[in-house]
Amino acid sequence: QMQLVESGGGSAQPGGSLRLSCLMTETVFVSMAWYRQAPGKERELVASISRGVTPTFYADSAKGRSTISRDDAKNLVYLQMNTLNPEDTSVYYCNKASGHMYPWGQGTQVTVSS
């Protein structure tokens, strides 16, 4: 069964950067995405990326500040986040971009504060 292992979160100051990684235990042939969930809020899509020729999608909150990428040879999906602000504080998860989701991983906590 697929397992998703997110890492790379941590504490950052406003304006800082973090690079999140998602290791997939099986090769995937579908679009993958990063999501986030802040306390008391619903999980929301941050960015998604297709396989192959890689069109990408970014939520308005991520546009211009984030870059999603994938290394299918290593079963990895990345999210580079720049110019972080306190509103980015959330637990970040990766999963399919659509359809029946894989079991959710534990996520990686991102905390942005001064």
N, C-alpha and C. Protein backbone atom coordinates (compact mmCIF):
# COMPACT_ATOMS: atom_id res chain seq x y z
N GLN A 1 0.85 -1.19 0.00
CA GLN A 1 0.00 0.00 0.00
C GLN A 1 0.88 1.24 0.00
N MET A 2 0.47 2.19 -0.78
CA MET A 2 1.25 3.42 -0.88
C MET A 2 1.36 4.09 0.47
N GLN A 3 2.55 4.58 0.76
CA GLN A 3 2.78 5.44 1.92
C GLN A 3 3.39 6.74 1.44
N LEU A 4 2.94 7.81 2.03
CA LEU A 4 3.44 9.14 1.71
C LEU A 4 4.15 9.68 2.95
N VAL A 5 5.39 10.08 2.78
CA VAL A 5 6.19 10.55 3.91
C VAL A 5 6.66 11.97 3.61
N GLU A 6 6.07 12.90 4.32
CA GLU A 6 6.43 14.31 4.13
C GLU A 6 7.53 14.72 5.11
N SER A 7 8.39 15.61 4.66
CA SER A 7 9.46 16.11 5.52
C SER A 7 9.87 17.49 5.05
N GLY A 8 10.72 18.12 5.84
CA GLY A 8 11.28 19.41 5.44
C GLY A 8 10.65 20.61 6.11
N GLY A 9 9.59 20.38 6.87
CA GLY A 9 8.97 21.50 7.56
C GLY A 9 9.83 21.96 8.72
N GLY A 10 9.33 22.95 9.41
CA GLY A 10 10.05 23.48 10.56
C GLY A 10 9.61 24.89 10.83
N SER A 11 10.43 25.59 11.57
CA SER A 11 10.14 26.98 11.91
C SER A 11 10.91 27.90 10.98
N ALA A 12 10.26 28.96 10.59
CA ALA A 12 10.89 29.95 9.73
C ALA A 12 10.40 31.33 10.11
N GLN A 13 11.21 32.30 9.82
CA GLN A 13 10.81 33.68 10.04
C GLN A 13 10.07 34.20 8.81
N PRO A 14 9.25 35.19 8.98
CA PRO A 14 8.60 35.79 7.81
C PRO A 14 9.65 36.21 6.79
N GLY A 15 9.36 35.91 5.55
CA GLY A 15 10.31 36.19 4.48
C GLY A 15 11.27 35.06 4.20
N GLY A 16 11.26 34.05 5.03
CA GLY A 16 12.17 32.93 4.87
C GLY A 16 11.67 31.92 3.86
N SER A 17 12.42 30.83 3.75
CA SER A 17 12.11 29.78 2.77
C SER A 17 12.20 28.41 3.40
N LEU A 18 11.44 27.50 2.86
CA LEU A 18 11.53 26.10 3.24
C LEU A 18 11.31 25.25 1.99
N ARG A 19 11.91 24.08 1.99
CA ARG A 19 11.70 23.13 0.90
C ARG A 19 11.13 21.85 1.50
N LEU A 20 9.93 21.55 1.11
CA LEU A 20 9.27 20.35 1.59
C LEU A 20 9.50 19.20 0.61
N SER A 21 9.58 18.00 1.15
CA SER A 21 9.75 16.81 0.33
C SER A 21 8.67 15.80 0.66
N CYS A 22 8.26 15.07 -0.34
CA CYS A 22 7.29 13.99 -0.16
C CYS A 22 7.86 12.75 -0.83
N LEU A 23 8.13 11.75 -0.02
CA LEU A 23 8.61 10.48 -0.55
C LEU A 23 7.43 9.52 -0.70
N MET A 24 7.28 9.00 -1.88
CA MET A 24 6.23 8.03 -2.17
C MET A 24 6.85 6.64 -2.23
N THR A 25 6.25 5.68 -1.57
CA THR A 25 6.86 4.36 -1.50
C THR A 25 6.63 3.54 -2.75
N GLU A 26 5.81 4.04 -3.67
CA GLU A 26 5.59 3.38 -4.94
C GLU A 26 5.66 4.42 -6.05
N THR A 27 6.00 3.97 -7.23
CA THR A 27 6.00 4.86 -8.38
C THR A 27 4.57 5.25 -8.72
N VAL A 28 4.38 6.51 -9.01
CA VAL A 28 3.04 6.98 -9.35
C VAL A 28 3.04 7.53 -10.77
N PHE A 29 1.89 7.45 -11.38
CA PHE A 29 1.75 7.89 -12.77
C PHE A 29 0.65 8.93 -12.89
N VAL A 30 0.37 9.59 -11.79
CA VAL A 30 -0.71 10.56 -11.77
C VAL A 30 -0.18 11.91 -11.30
N SER A 31 -1.03 12.90 -11.45
CA SER A 31 -0.68 14.21 -10.92
C SER A 31 -0.66 14.15 -9.40
N MET A 32 0.32 14.81 -8.83
CA MET A 32 0.45 14.87 -7.38
C MET A 32 0.30 16.32 -6.92
N ALA A 33 0.04 16.47 -5.65
CA ALA A 33 -0.24 17.81 -5.14
C ALA A 33 0.25 17.95 -3.71
N TRP A 34 0.41 19.17 -3.33
CA TRP A 34 0.63 19.54 -1.93
C TRP A 34 -0.63 20.21 -1.41
N TYR A 35 -0.98 19.85 -0.19
CA TYR A 35 -2.11 20.43 0.50
C TYR A 35 -1.62 20.97 1.84
N ARG A 36 -2.45 21.80 2.46
CA ARG A 36 -2.12 22.24 3.80
C ARG A 36 -3.39 22.38 4.62
N GLN A 37 -3.22 22.23 5.91
CA GLN A 37 -4.35 22.36 6.82
C GLN A 37 -3.90 23.11 8.06
N ALA A 38 -4.48 24.27 8.26
CA ALA A 38 -4.21 25.06 9.45
C ALA A 38 -5.19 24.67 10.54
N PRO A 39 -4.86 24.92 11.78
CA PRO A 39 -5.77 24.57 12.89
C PRO A 39 -7.15 25.19 12.70
N GLY A 40 -8.17 24.37 12.81
CA GLY A 40 -9.53 24.85 12.70
C GLY A 40 -9.99 25.13 11.29
N LYS A 41 -9.16 24.81 10.31
CA LYS A 41 -9.54 25.06 8.92
C LYS A 41 -9.54 23.77 8.12
N GLU A 42 -10.21 23.79 6.99
CA GLU A 42 -10.23 22.63 6.12
C GLU A 42 -8.91 22.52 5.35
N ARG A 43 -8.62 21.31 4.95
CA ARG A 43 -7.44 21.09 4.12
C ARG A 43 -7.64 21.76 2.77
N GLU A 44 -6.60 22.42 2.29
CA GLU A 44 -6.72 23.13 1.02
C GLU A 44 -5.56 22.78 0.10
N LEU A 45 -5.83 22.83 -1.18
CA LEU A 45 -4.83 22.57 -2.20
C LEU A 45 -3.87 23.75 -2.29
N VAL A 46 -2.58 23.45 -2.31
CA VAL A 46 -1.57 24.49 -2.46
C VAL A 46 -1.04 24.52 -3.89
N ALA A 47 -0.66 23.37 -4.40
CA ALA A 47 -0.09 23.29 -5.74
C ALA A 47 -0.18 21.85 -6.24
N SER A 48 -0.21 21.68 -7.54
CA SER A 48 -0.23 20.35 -8.11
C SER A 48 0.68 20.30 -9.33
N ILE A 49 1.09 19.09 -9.68
CA ILE A 49 2.01 18.90 -10.79
C ILE A 49 1.67 17.60 -11.50
N SER A 50 1.65 17.65 -12.81
CA SER A 50 1.39 16.46 -13.61
C SER A 50 2.66 15.65 -13.77
N ARG A 51 2.51 14.48 -14.33
CA ARG A 51 3.68 13.66 -14.64
C ARG A 51 4.05 13.88 -16.11
N GLY A 52 5.30 13.69 -16.41
CA GLY A 52 5.74 13.86 -17.79
C GLY A 52 5.97 15.33 -18.09
N VAL A 53 5.40 15.79 -19.18
CA VAL A 53 5.42 17.23 -19.43
C VAL A 53 4.60 17.84 -18.32
N THR A 54 5.19 18.64 -17.53
CA THR A 54 4.65 18.93 -16.21
C THR A 54 3.94 20.27 -16.09
N PRO A 55 2.72 20.34 -16.57
CA PRO A 55 1.93 21.52 -16.23
C PRO A 55 1.75 21.57 -14.73
N THR A 56 1.69 22.74 -14.20
CA THR A 56 1.52 22.92 -12.77
C THR A 56 0.35 23.84 -12.48
N PHE A 57 -0.14 23.71 -11.27
CA PHE A 57 -1.22 24.58 -10.80
C PHE A 57 -0.82 25.10 -9.44
N TYR A 58 -1.11 26.37 -9.19
CA TYR A 58 -0.86 26.96 -7.89
C TYR A 58 -2.11 27.67 -7.40
N ALA A 59 -2.41 27.46 -6.14
CA ALA A 59 -3.46 28.25 -5.53
C ALA A 59 -2.99 29.70 -5.45
N ASP A 60 -3.94 30.60 -5.36
CA ASP A 60 -3.57 32.02 -5.31
C ASP A 60 -2.60 32.31 -4.17
N SER A 61 -2.75 31.59 -3.07
CA SER A 61 -1.88 31.83 -1.91
C SER A 61 -0.44 31.43 -2.18
N ALA A 62 -0.23 30.60 -3.20
CA ALA A 62 1.11 30.08 -3.47
C ALA A 62 1.74 30.71 -4.73
N LYS A 63 0.95 31.30 -5.56
CA LYS A 63 1.46 31.84 -6.82
C LYS A 63 2.56 32.85 -6.58
N GLY A 64 3.63 32.70 -7.34
CA GLY A 64 4.73 33.64 -7.26
C GLY A 64 5.67 33.41 -6.09
N ARG A 65 5.29 32.54 -5.18
CA ARG A 65 6.12 32.29 -3.99
C ARG A 65 6.55 30.84 -3.86
N SER A 66 5.91 29.97 -4.60
CA SER A 66 6.16 28.54 -4.41
C SER A 66 6.43 27.88 -5.75
N THR A 67 7.20 26.80 -5.68
CA THR A 67 7.47 26.00 -6.87
C THR A 67 7.32 24.54 -6.51
N ILE A 68 6.45 23.87 -7.25
CA ILE A 68 6.29 22.43 -7.05
C ILE A 68 7.08 21.72 -8.14
N SER A 69 7.71 20.63 -7.77
CA SER A 69 8.48 19.86 -8.73
C SER A 69 8.43 18.39 -8.32
N ARG A 70 8.88 17.53 -9.22
CA ARG A 70 8.87 16.11 -8.92
C ARG A 70 10.06 15.43 -9.56
N ASP A 71 10.53 14.40 -8.92
CA ASP A 71 11.60 13.55 -9.43
C ASP A 71 11.03 12.14 -9.46
N ASP A 72 10.50 11.74 -10.60
CA ASP A 72 9.83 10.44 -10.67
C ASP A 72 10.81 9.28 -10.54
N ALA A 73 12.06 9.51 -10.86
CA ALA A 73 13.05 8.44 -10.70
C ALA A 73 13.28 8.12 -9.23
N LYS A 74 13.05 9.10 -8.38
CA LYS A 74 13.26 8.92 -6.94
C LYS A 74 11.94 8.88 -6.17
N ASN A 75 10.84 8.94 -6.87
CA ASN A 75 9.52 8.93 -6.21
C ASN A 75 9.39 10.08 -5.21
N LEU A 76 9.80 11.25 -5.62
CA LEU A 76 9.77 12.42 -4.75
C LEU A 76 8.98 13.55 -5.39
N VAL A 77 8.28 14.28 -4.55
CA VAL A 77 7.63 15.52 -4.95
C VAL A 77 8.10 16.59 -3.98
N TYR A 78 8.40 17.75 -4.50
CA TYR A 78 8.93 18.84 -3.68
C TYR A 78 8.00 20.05 -3.72
N LEU A 79 8.10 20.84 -2.68
CA LEU A 79 7.46 22.15 -2.67
C LEU A 79 8.45 23.15 -2.08
N GLN A 80 8.95 24.01 -2.94
CA GLN A 80 9.83 25.09 -2.49
C GLN A 80 8.96 26.29 -2.18
N MET A 81 9.03 26.75 -0.95
CA MET A 81 8.22 27.89 -0.54
C MET A 81 9.13 29.04 -0.14
N ASN A 82 8.90 30.19 -0.74
CA ASN A 82 9.68 31.38 -0.46
C ASN A 82 8.79 32.48 0.08
N THR A 83 9.43 33.50 0.59
CA THR A 83 8.71 34.66 1.13
C THR A 83 7.57 34.21 2.05
N LEU A 84 7.92 33.35 2.97
CA LEU A 84 6.92 32.80 3.88
C LEU A 84 6.30 33.90 4.74
N ASN A 85 5.04 33.71 5.07
CA ASN A 85 4.37 34.63 5.98
C ASN A 85 3.61 33.81 7.01
N PRO A 86 3.20 34.43 8.11
CA PRO A 86 2.53 33.66 9.18
C PRO A 86 1.31 32.89 8.71
N GLU A 87 0.65 33.38 7.65
CA GLU A 87 -0.54 32.67 7.14
C GLU A 87 -0.18 31.33 6.49
N ASP A 88 1.10 31.10 6.27
CA ASP A 88 1.54 29.81 5.73
C ASP A 88 1.68 28.74 6.81
N THR A 89 1.52 29.13 8.04
CA THR A 89 1.61 28.17 9.14
C THR A 89 0.51 27.12 9.02
N SER A 90 0.92 25.88 8.83
CA SER A 90 -0.02 24.78 8.60
C SER A 90 0.74 23.47 8.68
N VAL A 91 0.01 22.39 8.66
CA VAL A 91 0.58 21.09 8.38
C VAL A 91 0.43 20.85 6.88
N TYR A 92 1.53 20.48 6.24
CA TYR A 92 1.54 20.29 4.79
C TYR A 92 1.57 18.80 4.47
N TYR A 93 0.74 18.42 3.53
CA TYR A 93 0.60 17.04 3.11
C TYR A 93 0.76 16.93 1.59
N CYS A 94 1.18 15.79 1.13
CA CYS A 94 1.13 15.52 -0.30
C CYS A 94 0.14 14.38 -0.54
N ASN A 95 -0.40 14.33 -1.74
CA ASN A 95 -1.31 13.28 -2.13
C ASN A 95 -1.64 13.48 -3.61
N LYS A 96 -2.50 12.63 -4.14
CA LYS A 96 -2.92 12.81 -5.52
C LYS A 96 -3.58 14.18 -5.68
N ALA A 97 -3.55 14.67 -6.90
CA ALA A 97 -4.20 15.94 -7.18
C ALA A 97 -5.71 15.78 -7.32
N SER A 98 -6.16 14.59 -7.61
CA SER A 98 -7.60 14.37 -7.76
C SER A 98 -7.88 12.88 -7.65
N GLY A 99 -9.16 12.55 -7.59
CA GLY A 99 -9.55 11.15 -7.53
C GLY A 99 -9.46 10.58 -6.13
N HIS A 100 -9.50 9.25 -6.07
CA HIS A 100 -9.42 8.57 -4.78
C HIS A 100 -8.03 8.73 -4.20
N MET A 101 -7.95 9.31 -3.03
CA MET A 101 -6.66 9.64 -2.46
C MET A 101 -5.95 8.41 -1.90
N TYR A 102 -4.65 8.49 -1.89
CA TYR A 102 -3.85 7.53 -1.14
C TYR A 102 -4.10 7.79 0.36
N PRO A 103 -3.76 6.84 1.21
CA PRO A 103 -3.82 7.13 2.66
C PRO A 103 -2.94 8.34 2.98
N TRP A 104 -3.48 9.25 3.73
CA TRP A 104 -2.73 10.46 4.05
C TRP A 104 -1.55 10.15 4.97
N GLY A 105 -0.45 10.83 4.72
CA GLY A 105 0.69 10.73 5.60
C GLY A 105 0.50 11.59 6.84
N GLN A 106 1.54 11.69 7.63
CA GLN A 106 1.46 12.48 8.86
C GLN A 106 1.64 13.96 8.60
N GLY A 107 2.13 14.30 7.44
CA GLY A 107 2.33 15.70 7.13
C GLY A 107 3.60 16.24 7.77
N THR A 108 3.92 17.46 7.41
CA THR A 108 5.07 18.13 8.00
C THR A 108 4.64 19.53 8.42
N GLN A 109 4.94 19.88 9.65
CA GLN A 109 4.49 21.15 10.22
C GLN A 109 5.38 22.29 9.74
N VAL A 110 4.76 23.33 9.27
CA VAL A 110 5.45 24.57 8.93
C VAL A 110 4.92 25.66 9.85
N THR A 111 5.82 26.31 10.56
CA THR A 111 5.44 27.39 11.46
C THR A 111 6.24 28.63 11.10
N VAL A 112 5.53 29.69 10.78
CA VAL A 112 6.18 30.94 10.38
C VAL A 112 5.85 32.01 11.42
N SER A 113 6.86 32.46 12.10
CA SER A 113 6.66 33.50 13.10
C SER A 113 7.97 34.23 13.33
N SER A 114 7.83 35.43 13.85
CA SER A 114 9.03 36.21 14.16
C SER A 114 9.39 36.08 15.64
